[in-house]
Amino acid sequence: MGSLSAILQTGFAGVAPLRRALPESAPGWRFVGARVQDGERTATALMGGGERVFLMQFWARGVCLARGDTDDLHAVAGAMRAWQSGSRLRELGHEWPFVAFSPLASAHERGEGAEYTWRQYHRNTWRASHLLRLHSFITVAIHEPRLRRLMPFTSHGTLGFSRTVGYPYSGDCPWVEPLDGDRYRVTAADRRHEWGTADAARCVALVLAGLTD
């Protein structure tokens, strides 16, 4: 058929075609990848290289909510159609058992992705080293409603915030870098301008002062 998107578009073995199936934008995946995008939802499939397998992702509002892999092309088309028809995560996983999703994904589906992430960062059940260094700041920040509305994320051990919960992040919020002795450095969104170095409480105040509502 020439490409994965082509076979999904034209239909096969009695399966109704996905008329909006498009090739993936990455040049190397143009023939082995396909996506169906409609409104805020996207479903993608990518062919494996060493075996017959289709790797799938299911996105909504810039967040990858579910993943799965199958060797059944009928299942690829069916799962894509279900997702683009508005299926909830639990419904999608029940109908297509190869699809898996996390508690964070369920929180995103409920519109609680930022709140859930704040709680997970604070609990740090797995004792992640980068979150241990940020713990004092997070312990103070988690009680600030203006910060709790933002999506927290980490990059190279530094804590960032976004007004959007999905990609791309908003890119207009300060950064918090952990230093020794439970002290932190706050920088502007461009990371080039330093706003101050202080303890957790003072740095939370610096971040709040730098936010533009």
C-alpha atoms as a PDB file:
ATOM      1  CA  MET A   1       0.000   0.000   0.000  1.00  0.00           C
ATOM      2  CA  GLY A   2       3.011   2.307   0.154  1.00  0.00           C
ATOM      3  CA  SER A   3       2.627   3.580   3.721  1.00  0.00           C
ATOM      4  CA  LEU A   4       0.834   2.948   7.004  1.00  0.00           C
ATOM      5  CA  SER A   5      -1.336   6.031   6.584  1.00  0.00           C
ATOM      6  CA  ALA A   6      -2.365   4.904   3.084  1.00  0.00           C
ATOM      7  CA  ILE A   7      -3.636   1.530   4.229  1.00  0.00           C
ATOM      8  CA  LEU A   8      -5.532   3.128   7.121  1.00  0.00           C
ATOM      9  CA  GLN A   9      -7.073   5.662   4.757  1.00  0.00           C
ATOM     10  CA  THR A  10      -8.279   3.205   2.150  1.00  0.00           C
ATOM     11  CA  GLY A  11      -9.504   0.469   4.500  1.00  0.00           C
ATOM     12  CA  PHE A  12      -8.502  -3.180   4.503  1.00  0.00           C
ATOM     13  CA  ALA A  13     -10.070  -6.614   5.037  1.00  0.00           C
ATOM     14  CA  GLY A  14     -13.538  -5.185   5.532  1.00  0.00           C
ATOM     15  CA  VAL A  15     -12.484  -2.543   8.082  1.00  0.00           C
ATOM     16  CA  ALA A  16     -13.958   0.889   7.415  1.00  0.00           C
ATOM     17  CA  PRO A  17     -11.289   3.378   6.307  1.00  0.00           C
ATOM     18  CA  LEU A  18      -9.980   6.219   8.457  1.00  0.00           C
ATOM     19  CA  ARG A  19     -10.406   9.048   5.969  1.00  0.00           C
ATOM     20  CA  ARG A  20      -8.332  11.505   7.999  1.00  0.00           C
ATOM     21  CA  ALA A  21      -5.290   9.243   8.450  1.00  0.00           C
ATOM     22  CA  LEU A  22      -2.177  11.287   7.702  1.00  0.00           C
ATOM     23  CA  PRO A  23       1.515  10.407   7.519  1.00  0.00           C
ATOM     24  CA  GLU A  24       3.651  11.372  10.520  1.00  0.00           C
ATOM     25  CA  SER A  25       5.472  14.677  10.108  1.00  0.00           C
ATOM     26  CA  ALA A  26       8.936  13.321  11.005  1.00  0.00           C
ATOM     27  CA  PRO A  27      10.720  12.630   7.682  1.00  0.00           C
ATOM     28  CA  GLY A  28      12.023   9.245   8.773  1.00  0.00           C
ATOM     29  CA  TRP A  29       8.566   8.115   9.863  1.00  0.00           C
ATOM     30  CA  ARG A  30       6.619   9.308   6.841  1.00  0.00           C
ATOM     31  CA  PHE A  31       5.966   5.821   5.472  1.00  0.00           C
ATOM     32  CA  VAL A  32       5.934   3.829   8.727  1.00  0.00           C
ATOM     33  CA  GLY A  33       3.887   6.237  10.866  1.00  0.00           C
ATOM     34  CA  ALA A  34       0.326   7.530  10.787  1.00  0.00           C
ATOM     35  CA  ARG A  35      -1.796   9.927  12.796  1.00  0.00           C
ATOM     36  CA  VAL A  36      -5.463  10.764  13.049  1.00  0.00           C
ATOM     37  CA  GLN A  37      -6.083  14.245  14.422  1.00  0.00           C
ATOM     38  CA  ASP A  38      -9.432  15.856  15.095  1.00  0.00           C
ATOM     39  CA  GLY A  39      -9.978  18.847  17.375  1.00  0.00           C
ATOM     40  CA  GLU A  40      -8.070  18.362  20.636  1.00  0.00           C
ATOM     41  CA  ARG A  41      -7.463  14.632  20.144  1.00  0.00           C
ATOM     42  CA  THR A  42      -4.731  12.781  18.265  1.00  0.00           C
ATOM     43  CA  ALA A  43      -3.977   9.084  17.861  1.00  0.00           C
ATOM     44  CA  THR A  44      -0.665   7.947  16.363  1.00  0.00           C
ATOM     45  CA  ALA A  45       0.800   4.626  15.254  1.00  0.00           C
ATOM     46  CA  LEU A  46       4.380   3.763  14.355  1.00  0.00           C
ATOM     47  CA  MET A  47       5.595   0.496  12.833  1.00  0.00           C
ATOM     48  CA  GLY A  48       8.337  -1.397  14.665  1.00  0.00           C
ATOM     49  CA  GLY A  49      11.628  -2.018  12.899  1.00  0.00           C
ATOM     50  CA  GLY A  50      12.642  -5.518  13.961  1.00  0.00           C
ATOM     51  CA  GLU A  51       9.262  -7.218  14.326  1.00  0.00           C
ATOM     52  CA  ARG A  52       5.628  -6.818  13.358  1.00  0.00           C
ATOM     53  CA  VAL A  53       4.354  -4.371  15.961  1.00  0.00           C
ATOM     54  CA  PHE A  54       2.489  -1.075  15.907  1.00  0.00           C
ATOM     55  CA  LEU A  55       3.371   1.368  18.710  1.00  0.00           C
ATOM     56  CA  MET A  56       0.449   3.643  19.553  1.00  0.00           C
ATOM     57  CA  GLN A  57      -0.064   6.851  21.500  1.00  0.00           C
ATOM     58  CA  PHE A  58      -3.295   8.644  22.367  1.00  0.00           C
ATOM     59  CA  TRP A  59      -3.128  12.396  22.985  1.00  0.00           C
ATOM     60  CA  ALA A  60      -5.578  15.050  24.183  1.00  0.00           C
ATOM     61  CA  ARG A  61      -4.878  18.762  24.719  1.00  0.00           C
ATOM     62  CA  GLY A  62      -1.143  18.281  24.326  1.00  0.00           C
ATOM     63  CA  VAL A  63      -0.849  15.385  26.799  1.00  0.00           C
ATOM     64  CA  CYS A  64      -0.078  11.763  25.935  1.00  0.00           C
ATOM     65  CA  LEU A  65      -2.770   9.977  27.987  1.00  0.00           C
ATOM     66  CA  ALA A  66      -2.350   6.372  26.866  1.00  0.00           C
ATOM     67  CA  ARG A  67       0.026   4.059  25.031  1.00  0.00           C
ATOM     68  CA  GLY A  68      -0.011   0.546  23.703  1.00  0.00           C
ATOM     69  CA  ASP A  69       1.420  -1.839  21.143  1.00  0.00           C
ATOM     70  CA  THR A  70      -0.196  -4.537  19.068  1.00  0.00           C
ATOM     71  CA  ASP A  71       0.602  -6.668  16.036  1.00  0.00           C
ATOM     72  CA  ASP A  72      -2.994  -6.412  14.803  1.00  0.00           C
ATOM     73  CA  LEU A  73      -3.616  -3.701  12.217  1.00  0.00           C
ATOM     74  CA  HIS A  74      -7.370  -4.063  12.733  1.00  0.00           C
ATOM     75  CA  ALA A  75      -6.818  -3.133  16.381  1.00  0.00           C
ATOM     76  CA  VAL A  76      -4.826  -0.061  15.325  1.00  0.00           C
ATOM     77  CA  ALA A  77      -7.722   1.207  13.220  1.00  0.00           C
ATOM     78  CA  GLY A  78     -10.306   0.312  15.850  1.00  0.00           C
ATOM     79  CA  ALA A  79      -8.455   1.993  18.712  1.00  0.00           C
ATOM     80  CA  MET A  80      -7.838   5.094  16.619  1.00  0.00           C
ATOM     81  CA  ARG A  81     -11.504   5.292  15.707  1.00  0.00           C
ATOM     82  CA  ALA A  82     -12.601   4.809  19.326  1.00  0.00           C
ATOM     83  CA  TRP A  83     -10.285   7.517  20.623  1.00  0.00           C
ATOM     84  CA  GLN A  84     -11.253  10.033  17.976  1.00  0.00           C
ATOM     85  CA  SER A  85     -14.922   9.268  18.660  1.00  0.00           C
ATOM     86  CA  GLY A  86     -14.491  10.542  22.220  1.00  0.00           C
ATOM     87  CA  SER A  87     -13.929   7.362  24.245  1.00  0.00           C
ATOM     88  CA  ARG A  88     -12.827   7.859  27.842  1.00  0.00           C
ATOM     89  CA  LEU A  89      -9.601   6.192  28.935  1.00  0.00           C
ATOM     90  CA  ARG A  90     -11.363   3.428  30.848  1.00  0.00           C
ATOM     91  CA  GLU A  91     -13.627   2.712  27.872  1.00  0.00           C
ATOM     92  CA  LEU A  92     -10.668   2.652  25.483  1.00  0.00           C
ATOM     93  CA  GLY A  93      -8.717   0.248  27.696  1.00  0.00           C
ATOM     94  CA  HIS A  94     -11.736  -2.024  28.149  1.00  0.00           C
ATOM     95  CA  GLU A  95     -12.432  -2.252  24.426  1.00  0.00           C
ATOM     96  CA  TRP A  96      -8.767  -2.507  23.418  1.00  0.00           C
ATOM     97  CA  PRO A  97      -6.891  -4.235  26.296  1.00  0.00           C
ATOM     98  CA  PHE A  98      -3.447  -3.586  24.794  1.00  0.00           C
ATOM     99  CA  VAL A  99      -3.893   0.112  25.658  1.00  0.00           C
ATOM    100  CA  ALA A 100      -2.535   1.191  29.055  1.00  0.00           C
ATOM    101  CA  PHE A 101      -2.794   4.460  30.973  1.00  0.00           C
ATOM    102  CA  SER A 102      -1.597   5.812  34.329  1.00  0.00           C
ATOM    103  CA  PRO A 103      -3.269   7.476  37.341  1.00  0.00           C
ATOM    104  CA  LEU A 104      -1.734  10.752  36.123  1.00  0.00           C
ATOM    105  CA  ALA A 105      -3.504  10.290  32.788  1.00  0.00           C
ATOM    106  CA  SER A 106      -6.801   9.756  34.597  1.00  0.00           C
ATOM    107  CA  ALA A 107      -6.160  12.959  36.569  1.00  0.00           C
ATOM    108  CA  HIS A 108      -5.526  14.839  33.325  1.00  0.00           C
ATOM    109  CA  GLU A 109      -8.776  13.486  31.925  1.00  0.00           C
ATOM    110  CA  ARG A 110     -10.608  14.877  34.973  1.00  0.00           C
ATOM    111  CA  GLY A 111      -8.870  18.238  34.544  1.00  0.00           C
ATOM    112  CA  GLU A 112      -6.738  17.653  37.660  1.00  0.00           C
ATOM    113  CA  GLY A 113      -3.330  17.035  36.091  1.00  0.00           C
ATOM    114  CA  ALA A 114      -1.553  19.955  37.773  1.00  0.00           C
ATOM    115  CA  GLU A 115      -3.022  19.194  41.213  1.00  0.00           C
ATOM    116  CA  TYR A 116      -2.050  15.521  40.932  1.00  0.00           C
ATOM    117  CA  THR A 117       1.503  16.343  39.873  1.00  0.00           C
ATOM    118  CA  TRP A 118       1.985  18.737  42.807  1.00  0.00           C
ATOM    119  CA  ARG A 119       0.907  15.973  45.219  1.00  0.00           C
ATOM    120  CA  GLN A 120       3.207  13.422  43.598  1.00  0.00           C
ATOM    121  CA  TYR A 121       6.168  15.792  43.696  1.00  0.00           C
ATOM    122  CA  HIS A 122       5.526  16.526  47.358  1.00  0.00           C
ATOM    123  CA  ARG A 123       5.118  12.882  48.371  1.00  0.00           C
ATOM    124  CA  ASN A 124       8.086  11.753  46.246  1.00  0.00           C
ATOM    125  CA  THR A 125       7.326   8.125  47.034  1.00  0.00           C
ATOM    126  CA  TRP A 126      10.273   6.900  44.975  1.00  0.00           C
ATOM    127  CA  ARG A 127      12.703   9.291  46.718  1.00  0.00           C
ATOM    128  CA  ALA A 128      13.848  10.773  43.415  1.00  0.00           C
ATOM    129  CA  SER A 129      17.046  12.711  44.045  1.00  0.00           C
ATOM    130  CA  HIS A 130      16.060  15.816  42.060  1.00  0.00           C
ATOM    131  CA  LEU A 131      12.781  16.096  43.995  1.00  0.00           C
ATOM    132  CA  LEU A 132      14.567  15.611  47.319  1.00  0.00           C
ATOM    133  CA  ARG A 133      16.618  18.718  46.566  1.00  0.00           C
ATOM    134  CA  LEU A 134      13.436  20.621  45.720  1.00  0.00           C
ATOM    135  CA  HIS A 135      11.422  19.314  48.656  1.00  0.00           C
ATOM    136  CA  SER A 136      11.696  22.365  50.945  1.00  0.00           C
ATOM    137  CA  PHE A 137      10.547  24.664  48.154  1.00  0.00           C
ATOM    138  CA  ILE A 138       7.692  22.355  47.127  1.00  0.00           C
ATOM    139  CA  THR A 139       6.548  22.017  50.755  1.00  0.00           C
ATOM    140  CA  VAL A 140       5.987  25.770  50.912  1.00  0.00           C
ATOM    141  CA  ALA A 141       4.804  26.259  47.318  1.00  0.00           C
ATOM    142  CA  ILE A 142       2.104  23.569  47.493  1.00  0.00           C
ATOM    143  CA  HIS A 143       0.101  25.782  49.862  1.00  0.00           C
ATOM    144  CA  GLU A 144       0.004  28.702  47.398  1.00  0.00           C
ATOM    145  CA  PRO A 145      -3.187  28.617  45.273  1.00  0.00           C
ATOM    146  CA  ARG A 146      -1.586  30.635  42.456  1.00  0.00           C
ATOM    147  CA  LEU A 147       1.185  28.067  42.119  1.00  0.00           C
ATOM    148  CA  ARG A 148      -1.141  25.081  42.523  1.00  0.00           C
ATOM    149  CA  ARG A 149      -2.990  26.233  39.390  1.00  0.00           C
ATOM    150  CA  LEU A 150       0.223  25.918  37.365  1.00  0.00           C
ATOM    151  CA  MET A 151       1.611  22.660  35.980  1.00  0.00           C
ATOM    152  CA  PRO A 152       4.945  21.872  37.697  1.00  0.00           C
ATOM    153  CA  PHE A 153       7.651  20.031  35.793  1.00  0.00           C
ATOM    154  CA  THR A 154      11.384  19.441  36.106  1.00  0.00           C
ATOM    155  CA  SER A 155      14.186  19.848  33.587  1.00  0.00           C
ATOM    156  CA  HIS A 156      17.770  18.922  34.477  1.00  0.00           C
ATOM    157  CA  GLY A 157      16.918  19.111  38.171  1.00  0.00           C
ATOM    158  CA  THR A 158      15.342  22.574  37.904  1.00  0.00           C
ATOM    159  CA  LEU A 159      11.674  23.201  38.688  1.00  0.00           C
ATOM    160  CA  GLY A 160       9.541  24.966  36.103  1.00  0.00           C
ATOM    161  CA  PHE A 161       5.883  25.948  35.845  1.00  0.00           C
ATOM    162  CA  SER A 162       3.428  26.183  32.977  1.00  0.00           C
ATOM    163  CA  ARG A 163       0.003  27.743  32.535  1.00  0.00           C
ATOM    164  CA  THR A 164      -0.813  24.883  30.161  1.00  0.00           C
ATOM    165  CA  VAL A 165      -0.837  21.267  31.318  1.00  0.00           C
ATOM    166  CA  GLY A 166       0.198  19.883  27.928  1.00  0.00           C
ATOM    167  CA  TYR A 167       2.867  20.491  25.318  1.00  0.00           C
ATOM    168  CA  PRO A 168       3.999  22.987  24.428  1.00  0.00           C
ATOM    169  CA  TYR A 169       4.390  24.469  27.906  1.00  0.00           C
ATOM    170  CA  SER A 170       3.622  28.180  28.213  1.00  0.00           C
ATOM    171  CA  GLY A 171       7.276  29.211  28.648  1.00  0.00           C
ATOM    172  CA  ASP A 172       6.480  32.422  30.555  1.00  0.00           C
ATOM    173  CA  CYS A 173       7.049  31.387  34.194  1.00  0.00           C
ATOM    174  CA  PRO A 174      10.109  31.549  36.480  1.00  0.00           C
ATOM    175  CA  TRP A 175      12.491  28.666  37.180  1.00  0.00           C
ATOM    176  CA  VAL A 176      13.694  27.422  40.572  1.00  0.00           C
ATOM    177  CA  GLU A 177      17.151  25.856  40.836  1.00  0.00           C
ATOM    178  CA  PRO A 178      18.088  23.973  44.034  1.00  0.00           C
ATOM    179  CA  LEU A 179      21.380  24.911  45.707  1.00  0.00           C
ATOM    180  CA  ASP A 180      23.103  23.511  48.778  1.00  0.00           C
ATOM    181  CA  GLY A 181      21.693  24.026  52.253  1.00  0.00           C
ATOM    182  CA  ASP A 182      18.001  24.201  51.267  1.00  0.00           C
ATOM    183  CA  ARG A 183      18.579  27.391  49.320  1.00  0.00           C
ATOM    184  CA  TYR A 184      17.321  28.109  45.821  1.00  0.00           C
ATOM    185  CA  ARG A 185      17.992  30.387  42.878  1.00  0.00           C
ATOM    186  CA  VAL A 186      15.031  31.914  41.045  1.00  0.00           C
ATOM    187  CA  THR A 187      15.503  32.990  37.442  1.00  0.00           C
ATOM    188  CA  ALA A 188      13.245  34.541  34.827  1.00  0.00           C
ATOM    189  CA  ALA A 189      11.500  32.480  32.171  1.00  0.00           C
ATOM    190  CA  ASP A 190      14.418  33.049  29.783  1.00  0.00           C
ATOM    191  CA  ARG A 191      16.816  31.606  32.440  1.00  0.00           C
ATOM    192  CA  ARG A 192      19.251  34.451  31.772  1.00  0.00           C
ATOM    193  CA  HIS A 193      18.105  36.895  34.457  1.00  0.00           C
ATOM    194  CA  GLU A 194      18.492  35.950  38.109  1.00  0.00           C
ATOM    195  CA  TRP A 195      15.858  37.260  40.517  1.00  0.00           C
ATOM    196  CA  GLY A 196      17.466  36.152  43.752  1.00  0.00           C
ATOM    197  CA  THR A 197      18.910  33.396  45.910  1.00  0.00           C
ATOM    198  CA  ALA A 198      17.257  32.619  49.253  1.00  0.00           C
ATOM    199  CA  ASP A 199      15.539  29.991  51.392  1.00  0.00           C
ATOM    200  CA  ALA A 200      12.361  28.198  50.308  1.00  0.00           C
ATOM    201  CA  ALA A 201       9.842  30.687  51.715  1.00  0.00           C
ATOM    202  CA  ARG A 202      11.588  33.720  50.243  1.00  0.00           C
ATOM    203  CA  CYS A 203      11.974  32.034  46.852  1.00  0.00           C
ATOM    204  CA  VAL A 204       8.277  31.161  46.766  1.00  0.00           C
ATOM    205  CA  ALA A 205       7.598  34.865  47.308  1.00  0.00           C
ATOM    206  CA  LEU A 206       9.985  35.730  44.464  1.00  0.00           C
ATOM    207  CA  VAL A 207       8.204  33.331  42.112  1.00  0.00           C
ATOM    208  CA  LEU A 208       4.785  34.721  43.048  1.00  0.00           C
ATOM    209  CA  ALA A 209       6.024  38.275  42.534  1.00  0.00           C
ATOM    210  CA  GLY A 210       7.296  37.355  39.085  1.00  0.00           C
ATOM    211  CA  LEU A 211       4.086  35.768  37.849  1.00  0.00           C
ATOM    212  CA  THR A 212       1.908  37.839  35.563  1.00  0.00           C
ATOM    213  CA  ASP A 213      -1.751  36.917  36.008  1.00  0.00           C
END
